[in-house]
C-alpha atoms as a PDB file:
ATOM      1  CA  MET A   1      48.232 -25.258  -2.812  1.00  0.00           C
ATOM      2  CA  TYR A   2      51.795 -24.711  -4.142  1.00  0.00           C
ATOM      3  CA  GLY A   3      51.449 -27.909  -6.179  1.00  0.00           C
ATOM      4  CA  ARG A   4      48.249 -26.687  -7.808  1.00  0.00           C
ATOM      5  CA  LEU A   5      49.758 -23.301  -8.642  1.00  0.00           C
ATOM      6  CA  LEU A   6      52.804 -25.027 -10.100  1.00  0.00           C
ATOM      7  CA  LEU A   7      50.589 -27.167 -12.327  1.00  0.00           C
ATOM      8  CA  TRP A   8      48.707 -24.107 -13.510  1.00  0.00           C
ATOM      9  CA  GLY A   9      52.006 -22.383 -14.189  1.00  0.00           C
ATOM     10  CA  ILE A  10      53.257 -25.312 -16.269  1.00  0.00           C
ATOM     11  CA  LEU A  11      49.920 -25.513 -18.077  1.00  0.00           C
ATOM     12  CA  CYS A  12      49.859 -21.859 -19.021  1.00  0.00           C
ATOM     13  CA  GLY A  13      53.575 -21.047 -18.965  1.00  0.00           C
ATOM     14  CA  ALA A  14      53.792 -19.507 -22.423  1.00  0.00           C
ATOM     15  CA  THR A  15      50.793 -17.287 -21.788  1.00  0.00           C
ATOM     16  CA  VAL A  16      52.113 -16.248 -18.373  1.00  0.00           C
ATOM     17  CA  ALA A  17      55.403 -15.135 -19.900  1.00  0.00           C
ATOM     18  CA  CYS A  18      53.562 -13.071 -22.481  1.00  0.00           C
ATOM     19  CA  SER A  19      51.315 -11.567 -19.799  1.00  0.00           C
ATOM     20  CA  LEU A  20      54.260 -10.625 -17.576  1.00  0.00           C
ATOM     21  CA  ARG A  21      55.848  -8.763 -20.455  1.00  0.00           C
ATOM     22  CA  ASN A  22      52.605  -6.801 -20.735  1.00  0.00           C
ATOM     23  CA  GLY A  23      52.574  -5.554 -17.154  1.00  0.00           C
ATOM     24  CA  ALA A  24      51.195  -8.495 -15.108  1.00  0.00           C
ATOM     25  CA  SER A  25      52.252  -8.665 -11.459  1.00  0.00           C
ATOM     26  CA  ASP A  26      55.155 -10.967 -10.542  1.00  0.00           C
ATOM     27  CA  ARG A  27      53.437 -11.684  -7.229  1.00  0.00           C
ATOM     28  CA  ASP A  28      50.177 -12.679  -8.914  1.00  0.00           C
ATOM     29  CA  PRO A  29      51.128 -13.662 -12.479  1.00  0.00           C
ATOM     30  CA  ALA A  30      48.577 -13.924 -15.239  1.00  0.00           C
ATOM     31  CA  VAL A  31      47.622 -17.223 -16.852  1.00  0.00           C
ATOM     32  CA  ALA A  32      45.689 -15.732 -19.761  1.00  0.00           C
ATOM     33  CA  ARG A  33      44.990 -12.387 -21.457  1.00  0.00           C
ATOM     34  CA  VAL A  34      42.226 -11.180 -23.736  1.00  0.00           C
ATOM     35  CA  GLY A  35      42.832  -7.622 -24.881  1.00  0.00           C
ATOM     36  CA  GLU A  36      43.467  -5.578 -21.732  1.00  0.00           C
ATOM     37  CA  SER A  37      41.854  -8.147 -19.420  1.00  0.00           C
ATOM     38  CA  TYR A  38      44.042 -10.576 -17.481  1.00  0.00           C
ATOM     39  CA  LEU A  39      43.155 -13.790 -15.694  1.00  0.00           C
ATOM     40  CA  ARG A  40      45.554 -14.132 -12.786  1.00  0.00           C
ATOM     41  CA  GLU A  41      46.486 -17.141 -10.707  1.00  0.00           C
ATOM     42  CA  SER A  42      44.439 -15.808  -7.766  1.00  0.00           C
ATOM     43  CA  ASP A  43      41.382 -15.545 -10.049  1.00  0.00           C
ATOM     44  CA  LEU A  44      41.896 -19.067 -11.297  1.00  0.00           C
ATOM     45  CA  GLU A  45      42.281 -20.345  -7.752  1.00  0.00           C
ATOM     46  CA  ARG A  46      38.864 -18.896  -6.849  1.00  0.00           C
ATOM     47  CA  MET A  47      37.337 -20.654  -9.864  1.00  0.00           C
ATOM     48  CA  MET A  48      38.564 -24.062  -8.742  1.00  0.00           C
ATOM     49  CA  PRO A  49      36.462 -26.290  -6.444  1.00  0.00           C
ATOM     50  CA  GLN A  50      37.569 -26.498  -2.827  1.00  0.00           C
ATOM     51  CA  GLU A  51      38.278 -30.217  -3.091  1.00  0.00           C
ATOM     52  CA  VAL A  52      39.983 -31.362  -6.274  1.00  0.00           C
ATOM     53  CA  LEU A  53      42.410 -34.247  -6.796  1.00  0.00           C
ATOM     54  CA  LEU A  54      45.899 -33.221  -7.836  1.00  0.00           C
ATOM     55  CA  ALA A  55      45.648 -35.560 -10.837  1.00  0.00           C
ATOM     56  CA  ASP A  56      42.523 -33.733 -12.039  1.00  0.00           C
ATOM     57  CA  SER A  57      43.613 -30.171 -11.271  1.00  0.00           C
ATOM     58  CA  ALA A  58      45.524 -29.484 -14.514  1.00  0.00           C
ATOM     59  CA  GLU A  59      42.627 -30.597 -16.740  1.00  0.00           C
ATOM     60  CA  MET A  60      40.111 -28.680 -14.648  1.00  0.00           C
ATOM     61  CA  ALA A  61      42.285 -25.552 -14.659  1.00  0.00           C
ATOM     62  CA  GLU A  62      42.568 -25.746 -18.442  1.00  0.00           C
ATOM     63  CA  LYS A  63      38.789 -25.898 -18.771  1.00  0.00           C
ATOM     64  CA  ARG A  64      38.337 -22.915 -16.448  1.00  0.00           C
ATOM     65  CA  VAL A  65      40.893 -20.891 -18.404  1.00  0.00           C
ATOM     66  CA  SER A  66      39.290 -21.790 -21.736  1.00  0.00           C
ATOM     67  CA  ALA A  67      35.859 -20.815 -20.446  1.00  0.00           C
ATOM     68  CA  TRP A  68      37.171 -17.472 -19.179  1.00  0.00           C
ATOM     69  CA  VAL A  69      38.925 -16.724 -22.492  1.00  0.00           C
ATOM     70  CA  LEU A  70      35.775 -17.501 -24.501  1.00  0.00           C
ATOM     71  CA  GLN A  71      33.652 -15.321 -22.223  1.00  0.00           C
ATOM     72  CA  GLN A  72      36.091 -12.414 -22.534  1.00  0.00           C
ATOM     73  CA  VAL A  73      36.269 -12.727 -26.325  1.00  0.00           C
ATOM     74  CA  LEU A  74      32.461 -12.660 -26.532  1.00  0.00           C
ATOM     75  CA  LEU A  75      32.243  -9.791 -24.054  1.00  0.00           C
ATOM     76  CA  GLN A  76      34.743  -7.641 -25.879  1.00  0.00           C
ATOM     77  CA  LYS A  77      33.044  -8.372 -29.194  1.00  0.00           C
ATOM     78  CA  ALA A  78      29.708  -7.365 -27.676  1.00  0.00           C
ATOM     79  CA  GLN A  79      31.162  -4.165 -26.211  1.00  0.00           C
ATOM     80  CA  ALA A  80      32.544  -3.219 -29.608  1.00  0.00           C
ATOM     81  CA  ASN A  81      29.288  -3.825 -31.475  1.00  0.00           C
ATOM     82  CA  LEU A  82      26.445  -2.849 -29.121  1.00  0.00           C
ATOM     83  CA  ASP A  83      25.067   0.660 -29.544  1.00  0.00           C
ATOM     84  CA  GLU A  84      25.448   3.271 -26.812  1.00  0.00           C
ATOM     85  CA  ALA A  85      21.777   3.206 -25.784  1.00  0.00           C
ATOM     86  CA  THR A  86      21.890  -0.576 -25.202  1.00  0.00           C
ATOM     87  CA  CYS A  87      25.071  -0.238 -23.140  1.00  0.00           C
ATOM     88  CA  ARG A  88      23.491   2.478 -20.980  1.00  0.00           C
ATOM     89  CA  HIS A  89      20.431   0.268 -20.466  1.00  0.00           C
ATOM     90  CA  ILE A  90      22.657  -2.623 -19.348  1.00  0.00           C
ATOM     91  CA  GLU A  91      24.572  -0.368 -16.962  1.00  0.00           C
ATOM     92  CA  ARG A  92      21.319   0.838 -15.385  1.00  0.00           C
ATOM     93  CA  LYS A  93      20.201  -2.769 -14.875  1.00  0.00           C
ATOM     94  CA  ILE A  94      23.562  -3.610 -13.302  1.00  0.00           C
ATOM     95  CA  ASP A  95      23.281  -0.604 -10.965  1.00  0.00           C
ATOM     96  CA  ALA A  96      19.731  -1.582  -9.994  1.00  0.00           C
ATOM     97  CA  TYR A  97      20.763  -5.179  -9.316  1.00  0.00           C
ATOM     98  CA  ARG A  98      23.766  -4.061  -7.272  1.00  0.00           C
ATOM     99  CA  ALA A  99      21.558  -1.760  -5.188  1.00  0.00           C
ATOM    100  CA  SER A 100      18.964  -4.501  -4.632  1.00  0.00           C
ATOM    101  CA  LEU A 101      21.654  -6.997  -3.630  1.00  0.00           C
ATOM    102  CA  MET A 102      23.212  -4.592  -1.132  1.00  0.00           C
ATOM    103  CA  VAL A 103      19.837  -3.707   0.419  1.00  0.00           C
ATOM    104  CA  PHE A 104      18.908  -7.391   0.629  1.00  0.00           C
ATOM    105  CA  SER A 105      22.239  -8.223   2.299  1.00  0.00           C
ATOM    106  CA  TYR A 106      21.754  -5.417   4.820  1.00  0.00           C
ATOM    107  CA  GLU A 107      18.198  -6.547   5.610  1.00  0.00           C
ATOM    108  CA  GLU A 108      19.435 -10.106   6.145  1.00  0.00           C
ATOM    109  CA  LYS A 109      22.089  -8.789   8.544  1.00  0.00           C
ATOM    110  CA  ILE A 110      19.489  -6.798  10.518  1.00  0.00           C
ATOM    111  CA  THR A 111      17.196  -9.823  10.593  1.00  0.00           C
ATOM    112  CA  ARG A 112      19.933 -12.081  11.975  1.00  0.00           C
ATOM    113  CA  GLN A 113      20.766  -9.534  14.665  1.00  0.00           C
ATOM    114  CA  LEU A 114      17.303  -8.444  15.816  1.00  0.00           C
ATOM    115  CA  LEU A 115      14.665 -10.989  14.816  1.00  0.00           C
ATOM    116  CA  ASP A 116      13.115 -12.918  17.690  1.00  0.00           C
ATOM    117  CA  THR A 117      13.198 -16.495  16.410  1.00  0.00           C
ATOM    118  CA  ILE A 118      11.562 -18.095  19.468  1.00  0.00           C
ATOM    119  CA  VAL A 119       7.959 -19.023  18.658  1.00  0.00           C
ATOM    120  CA  GLN A 120       5.888 -20.114  21.633  1.00  0.00           C
ATOM    121  CA  GLU A 121       3.484 -23.043  21.366  1.00  0.00           C
ATOM    122  CA  ARG A 122       0.567 -20.771  22.278  1.00  0.00           C
ATOM    123  CA  ASP A 123       1.442 -18.498  19.321  1.00  0.00           C
ATOM    124  CA  ILE A 124       1.313 -21.485  16.972  1.00  0.00           C
ATOM    125  CA  THR A 125      -1.991 -22.699  18.441  1.00  0.00           C
ATOM    126  CA  ASP A 126      -3.562 -19.222  18.270  1.00  0.00           C
ATOM    127  CA  TYR A 127      -2.574 -18.815  14.627  1.00  0.00           C
ATOM    128  CA  TYR A 128      -3.913 -22.253  13.764  1.00  0.00           C
ATOM    129  CA  GLU A 129      -7.279 -21.654  15.463  1.00  0.00           C
ATOM    130  CA  LYS A 130      -7.738 -18.289  13.757  1.00  0.00           C
ATOM    131  CA  ASN A 131      -6.682 -19.461  10.287  1.00  0.00           C
ATOM    132  CA  LYS A 132      -7.940 -23.012   9.851  1.00  0.00           C
ATOM    133  CA  ASP A 133      -9.097 -22.182   6.340  1.00  0.00           C
ATOM    134  CA  GLN A 134      -5.411 -21.978   5.383  1.00  0.00           C
ATOM    135  CA  PHE A 135      -4.828 -25.586   6.399  1.00  0.00           C
ATOM    136  CA  VAL A 136      -7.167 -27.601   4.194  1.00  0.00           C
ATOM    137  CA  LEU A 137      -5.453 -30.776   3.044  1.00  0.00           C
ATOM    138  CA  LYS A 138      -4.676 -31.289  -0.633  1.00  0.00           C
ATOM    139  CA  SER A 139      -3.418 -34.845  -0.080  1.00  0.00           C
ATOM    140  CA  ASN A 140      -4.291 -37.685   2.262  1.00  0.00           C
ATOM    141  CA  ILE A 141      -2.234 -38.045   5.431  1.00  0.00           C
ATOM    142  CA  VAL A 142      -1.932 -40.885   7.952  1.00  0.00           C
ATOM    143  CA  ARG A 143      -0.552 -41.887  11.308  1.00  0.00           C
ATOM    144  CA  LEU A 144       0.768 -45.424  11.167  1.00  0.00           C
ATOM    145  CA  ARG A 145       3.460 -47.925  12.008  1.00  0.00           C
ATOM    146  CA  PHE A 146       4.995 -50.461   9.648  1.00  0.00           C
ATOM    147  CA  VAL A 147       7.646 -53.156   9.588  1.00  0.00           C
ATOM    148  CA  LYS A 148       9.451 -54.761   6.661  1.00  0.00           C
ATOM    149  CA  VAL A 149      10.888 -58.194   7.435  1.00  0.00           C
ATOM    150  CA  ALA A 150      12.452 -60.996   5.396  1.00  0.00           C
ATOM    151  CA  LYS A 151      10.302 -64.108   5.148  1.00  0.00           C
ATOM    152  CA  ASP A 152      13.062 -66.256   6.621  1.00  0.00           C
ATOM    153  CA  ALA A 153      13.867 -63.826   9.456  1.00  0.00           C
ATOM    154  CA  LYS A 154      13.775 -64.971  13.025  1.00  0.00           C
ATOM    155  CA  LYS A 155      10.960 -63.500  15.121  1.00  0.00           C
ATOM    156  CA  MET A 156       8.857 -62.698  12.038  1.00  0.00           C
ATOM    157  CA  GLU A 157       5.670 -63.802  13.800  1.00  0.00           C
ATOM    158  CA  ALA A 158       6.650 -61.867  16.924  1.00  0.00           C
ATOM    159  CA  LEU A 159       7.118 -58.735  14.809  1.00  0.00           C
ATOM    160  CA  LYS A 160       3.706 -59.202  13.235  1.00  0.00           C
ATOM    161  CA  LYS A 161       1.953 -59.898  16.516  1.00  0.00           C
ATOM    162  CA  GLY A 162       3.653 -56.992  18.266  1.00  0.00           C
ATOM    163  CA  LEU A 163       2.793 -54.457  15.574  1.00  0.00           C
ATOM    164  CA  PHE A 164      -0.896 -55.390  15.590  1.00  0.00           C
ATOM    165  CA  ASP A 165      -1.102 -55.316  19.386  1.00  0.00           C
ATOM    166  CA  LYS A 166      -3.489 -52.508  20.355  1.00  0.00           C
ATOM    167  CA  ASN A 167      -1.410 -51.858  23.488  1.00  0.00           C
ATOM    168  CA  LEU A 168       1.836 -51.334  21.586  1.00  0.00           C
ATOM    169  CA  GLY A 169       2.098 -47.638  22.459  1.00  0.00           C
ATOM    170  CA  GLU A 170       1.580 -48.121  26.195  1.00  0.00           C
ATOM    171  CA  GLY A 171       4.292 -48.254  28.860  1.00  0.00           C
ATOM    172  CA  ASP A 172       7.569 -49.788  27.723  1.00  0.00           C
ATOM    173  CA  ASN A 173       5.966 -51.955  25.047  1.00  0.00           C
ATOM    174  CA  LEU A 174       7.044 -49.672  22.208  1.00  0.00           C
ATOM    175  CA  TYR A 175      10.675 -49.529  23.380  1.00  0.00           C
ATOM    176  CA  GLU A 176      10.867 -53.311  23.643  1.00  0.00           C
ATOM    177  CA  TYR A 177       9.247 -53.697  20.222  1.00  0.00           C
ATOM    178  CA  ALA A 178      11.660 -51.145  18.692  1.00  0.00           C
ATOM    179  CA  ASP A 179      14.571 -53.214  20.015  1.00  0.00           C
ATOM    180  CA  LEU A 180      13.062 -56.280  18.324  1.00  0.00           C
ATOM    181  CA  CYS A 181      12.820 -54.336  15.041  1.00  0.00           C
ATOM    182  CA  ARG A 182      16.423 -53.178  15.256  1.00  0.00           C
ATOM    183  CA  ARG A 183      17.592 -56.784  15.535  1.00  0.00           C
ATOM    184  CA  TYR A 184      15.339 -58.566  13.051  1.00  0.00           C
ATOM    185  CA  ALA A 185      13.532 -56.124  10.699  1.00  0.00           C
ATOM    186  CA  ASP A 186      14.928 -54.761   7.424  1.00  0.00           C
ATOM    187  CA  ASN A 187      13.019 -51.487   7.734  1.00  0.00           C
ATOM    188  CA  TYR A 188      10.473 -50.042  10.129  1.00  0.00           C
ATOM    189  CA  PHE A 189       8.647 -46.887  11.179  1.00  0.00           C
ATOM    190  CA  LEU A 190       7.154 -46.753  14.657  1.00  0.00           C
ATOM    191  CA  ASP A 191       6.401 -43.072  15.348  1.00  0.00           C
ATOM    192  CA  GLY A 192       2.642 -43.388  15.531  1.00  0.00           C
ATOM    193  CA  GLU A 193       2.225 -39.764  16.630  1.00  0.00           C
ATOM    194  CA  LYS A 194       3.695 -38.340  13.446  1.00  0.00           C
ATOM    195  CA  TRP A 195       1.482 -37.513  10.477  1.00  0.00           C
ATOM    196  CA  ILE A 196       2.914 -38.343   7.050  1.00  0.00           C
ATOM    197  CA  TYR A 197       1.635 -38.100   3.504  1.00  0.00           C
ATOM    198  CA  PHE A 198       0.008 -41.343   2.428  1.00  0.00           C
ATOM    199  CA  ASN A 199       1.759 -41.081  -0.946  1.00  0.00           C
ATOM    200  CA  ASP A 200       5.136 -41.052   0.848  1.00  0.00           C
ATOM    201  CA  PHE A 201       4.133 -44.221   2.684  1.00  0.00           C
ATOM    202  CA  LEU A 202       3.142 -45.903  -0.599  1.00  0.00           C
ATOM    203  CA  ARG A 203       6.668 -45.341  -1.904  1.00  0.00           C
ATOM    204  CA  GLU A 204       8.003 -47.407   0.994  1.00  0.00           C
ATOM    205  CA  VAL A 205       5.402 -50.156   1.167  1.00  0.00           C
ATOM    206  CA  PRO A 206       4.006 -51.831  -2.007  1.00  0.00           C
ATOM    207  CA  VAL A 207       0.331 -51.434  -1.150  1.00  0.00           C
ATOM    208  CA  LYS A 208      -1.868 -51.395  -4.256  1.00  0.00           C
ATOM    209  CA  THR A 209      -4.902 -49.139  -4.069  1.00  0.00           C
ATOM    210  CA  TYR A 210      -6.866 -47.280  -6.712  1.00  0.00           C
ATOM    211  CA  ASN A 211      -8.974 -45.335  -4.245  1.00  0.00           C
ATOM    212  CA  GLN A 212      -6.939 -44.080  -1.301  1.00  0.00           C
ATOM    213  CA  GLU A 213      -9.885 -42.651   0.619  1.00  0.00           C
ATOM    214  CA  GLU A 214     -11.844 -45.898   0.401  1.00  0.00           C
ATOM    215  CA  PHE A 215      -8.781 -47.892   1.371  1.00  0.00           C
ATOM    216  CA  LEU A 216      -8.123 -45.745   4.441  1.00  0.00           C
ATOM    217  CA  ARG A 217     -11.733 -46.001   5.573  1.00  0.00           C
ATOM    218  CA  ASN A 218     -11.765 -49.808   5.396  1.00  0.00           C
ATOM    219  CA  TYR A 219      -8.342 -51.080   6.492  1.00  0.00           C
ATOM    220  CA  ARG A 220      -6.440 -50.901   9.762  1.00  0.00           C
ATOM    221  CA  ASN A 221      -4.078 -53.902   9.993  1.00  0.00           C
ATOM    222  CA  ILE A 222      -2.503 -54.841   6.669  1.00  0.00           C
ATOM    223  CA  GLU A 223      -0.184 -57.612   5.516  1.00  0.00           C
ATOM    224  CA  VAL A 224       1.582 -57.302   2.158  1.00  0.00           C
ATOM    225  CA  GLU A 225       3.809 -59.940   0.566  1.00  0.00           C
ATOM    226  CA  ALA A 226       6.339 -58.742  -2.007  1.00  0.00           C
ATOM    227  CA  GLY A 227       9.289 -60.819  -3.182  1.00  0.00           C
ATOM    228  CA  ASN A 228      11.233 -62.134  -0.212  1.00  0.00           C
ATOM    229  CA  TYR A 229       9.650 -59.722   2.246  1.00  0.00           C
ATOM    230  CA  MET A 230       6.559 -59.282   4.342  1.00  0.00           C
ATOM    231  CA  TYR A 231       5.227 -55.851   5.205  1.00  0.00           C
ATOM    232  CA  TYR A 232       3.040 -55.363   8.266  1.00  0.00           C
ATOM    233  CA  VAL A 233       1.168 -52.086   8.552  1.00  0.00           C
ATOM    234  CA  SER A 234      -0.964 -50.691  11.358  1.00  0.00           C
ATOM    235  CA  ILE A 235      -2.965 -47.580  10.364  1.00  0.00           C
ATOM    236  CA  LEU A 236      -3.782 -45.583  13.500  1.00  0.00           C
ATOM    237  CA  ASP A 237      -5.575 -42.568  12.031  1.00  0.00           C
ATOM    238  CA  PHE A 238      -6.032 -40.699   8.770  1.00  0.00           C
ATOM    239  CA  LYS A 239      -7.224 -37.421   7.273  1.00  0.00           C
ATOM    240  CA  ILE A 240      -8.374 -37.213   3.692  1.00  0.00           C
ATOM    241  CA  ARG A 241      -8.259 -34.413   1.165  1.00  0.00           C
ATOM    242  CA  ASP A 242     -10.389 -31.313   1.870  1.00  0.00           C
ATOM    243  CA  MET A 243     -10.380 -31.979   5.612  1.00  0.00           C
ATOM    244  CA  VAL A 244      -8.665 -29.509   7.963  1.00  0.00           C
ATOM    245  CA  SER A 245      -5.092 -30.583   8.587  1.00  0.00           C
ATOM    246  CA  PRO A 246      -4.233 -31.398  12.230  1.00  0.00           C
ATOM    247  CA  LEU A 247      -2.209 -28.839  14.181  1.00  0.00           C
ATOM    248  CA  SER A 248       0.706 -31.220  14.777  1.00  0.00           C
ATOM    249  CA  PHE A 249       1.114 -31.639  11.004  1.00  0.00           C
ATOM    250  CA  GLU A 250       1.238 -27.867  10.436  1.00  0.00           C
ATOM    251  CA  LYS A 251       3.438 -26.707  13.319  1.00  0.00           C
ATOM    252  CA  GLU A 252       6.620 -26.118  11.335  1.00  0.00           C
ATOM    253  CA  ARG A 253       4.720 -24.390   8.545  1.00  0.00           C
ATOM    254  CA  ILE A 254       3.002 -22.082  11.052  1.00  0.00           C
ATOM    255  CA  ARG A 255       6.325 -21.389  12.749  1.00  0.00           C
ATOM    256  CA  GLY A 256       7.697 -20.242   9.387  1.00  0.00           C
ATOM    257  CA  ILE A 257       4.647 -18.053   8.719  1.00  0.00           C
ATOM    258  CA  ILE A 258       4.969 -16.354  12.117  1.00  0.00           C
ATOM    259  CA  LEU A 259       8.699 -15.744  11.611  1.00  0.00           C
ATOM    260  CA  ASN A 260       8.060 -14.270   8.161  1.00  0.00           C
ATOM    261  CA  GLN A 261       5.431 -11.944   9.647  1.00  0.00           C
ATOM    262  CA  ARG A 262       7.872 -10.846  12.347  1.00  0.00           C
ATOM    263  CA  LYS A 263      10.558 -10.276   9.731  1.00  0.00           C
ATOM    264  CA  LYS A 264       8.232  -8.101   7.639  1.00  0.00           C
ATOM    265  CA  THR A 265       7.203  -6.084  10.696  1.00  0.00           C
ATOM    266  CA  LEU A 266      10.848  -5.626  11.727  1.00  0.00           C
ATOM    267  CA  LEU A 267      11.892  -4.469   8.250  1.00  0.00           C
ATOM    268  CA  ASP A 268       8.876  -2.137   7.921  1.00  0.00           C
ATOM    269  CA  GLU A 269       9.759  -0.508  11.249  1.00  0.00           C
ATOM    270  CA  MET A 270      13.413  -0.231  10.223  1.00  0.00           C
ATOM    271  CA  GLU A 271      12.452   1.471   6.947  1.00  0.00           C
ATOM    272  CA  ARG A 272      10.152   3.953   8.696  1.00  0.00           C
ATOM    273  CA  ASP A 273      12.820   4.784  11.284  1.00  0.00           C
ATOM    274  CA  LEU A 274      15.475   5.270   8.600  1.00  0.00           C
ATOM    275  CA  MET A 275      13.209   7.548   6.567  1.00  0.00           C
ATOM    276  CA  ASP A 276      12.274   9.599   9.623  1.00  0.00           C
ATOM    277  CA  GLU A 277      15.939  10.022  10.500  1.00  0.00           C
ATOM    278  CA  ALA A 278      16.866  10.869   6.902  1.00  0.00           C
ATOM    279  CA  ARG A 279      14.195  13.629   6.721  1.00  0.00           C
ATOM    280  CA  ARG A 280      15.114  14.958  10.171  1.00  0.00           C
ATOM    281  CA  THR A 281      18.819  15.232   9.362  1.00  0.00           C
ATOM    282  CA  GLY A 282      18.291  16.689   5.913  1.00  0.00           C
ATOM    283  CA  LEU A 283      19.625  13.623   4.112  1.00  0.00           C
ATOM    284  CA  VAL A 284      16.402  13.508   2.072  1.00  0.00           C
ATOM    285  CA  GLU A 285      14.972  16.541   0.314  1.00  0.00           C
ATOM    286  CA  TYR A 286      12.164  16.851  -2.225  1.00  0.00           C
ATOM    287  CA  TYR A 287      11.963  19.402  -5.016  1.00  0.00           C
ATOM    288  CA  GLY A 288       9.308  20.878  -7.273  1.00  0.00           C
ATOM    289  CA  ASP A 289       5.807  19.432  -6.969  1.00  0.00           C
ATOM    290  CA  LEU A 290       7.004  16.889  -4.399  1.00  0.00           C
ATOM    291  CA  GLN A 291       8.451  19.531  -2.063  1.00  0.00           C
ATOM    292  CA  ASP A 292       5.371  19.836   0.155  1.00  0.00           C
ATOM    293  CA  GLU A 293       4.169  16.251  -0.122  1.00  0.00           C
ATOM    294  CA  LYS A 294       4.697  13.573   2.507  1.00  0.00           C
ATOM    295  CA  THR A 295       5.925  10.308   1.098  1.00  0.00           C
ATOM    296  CA  ASP A 296       5.214   7.117   3.055  1.00  0.00           C
ATOM    297  CA  ILE A 297       7.523   4.187   2.604  1.00  0.00           C
END
């Protein structure tokens, strides 16, 4: 850290000296000044990335200082030339943004402290059964296994035969086959219980098809030759567009929906409690036409 500060000091030495003569702190000297605004070493340190090579730090510091100076010159020019009404409008927007940011930060703190993030399987299943219309597929999905293997690889035929074996998922067969893939295959995917988008699969395996739905209805075991590799694919199941998506494919999405609902309920209850307390303690008071009205938040 001392080395970086020393480099910045050398880089901006003349400016620092000028700034110190104009009231900058000896303990946190300035590296640049624009009007009455000072950029201090501590400010510059915060602008720098956490990890930066010593050889690059001087150049990077110079760029940060130059950017700050330009921004301050533009800002001070704007302040001198914008009319009072525009400045008041900007200040109101800044106040509104600051208030929104503080409220958001407080709500996030309350959520972290109080939100129940454990979602039971029965809650996910219940939501799925009651809201199936929300889970209509927009893309085709599949359950499959595939192996990519070099044409000159040992055990290529064993890999092909094993993948197309209808008993692959039974007993220890899959574990033994996975060990074979680890030793001889270039790439493989064996989780036949997991649904994936068919388009994602096509980015991994060079299968050519102009009609995905027709392809999925007619093919189960597929061999594809491309360059120096063979691809073996076993399609176990599929769902096409406009069909209801399977529960296992939607679990994480449903979990997020349930958590968002809980978060909204928690924040709504917090807001009602705060408003009730504020009215009860006299923190909130209405005047004029609103005096006798009840305001719901």
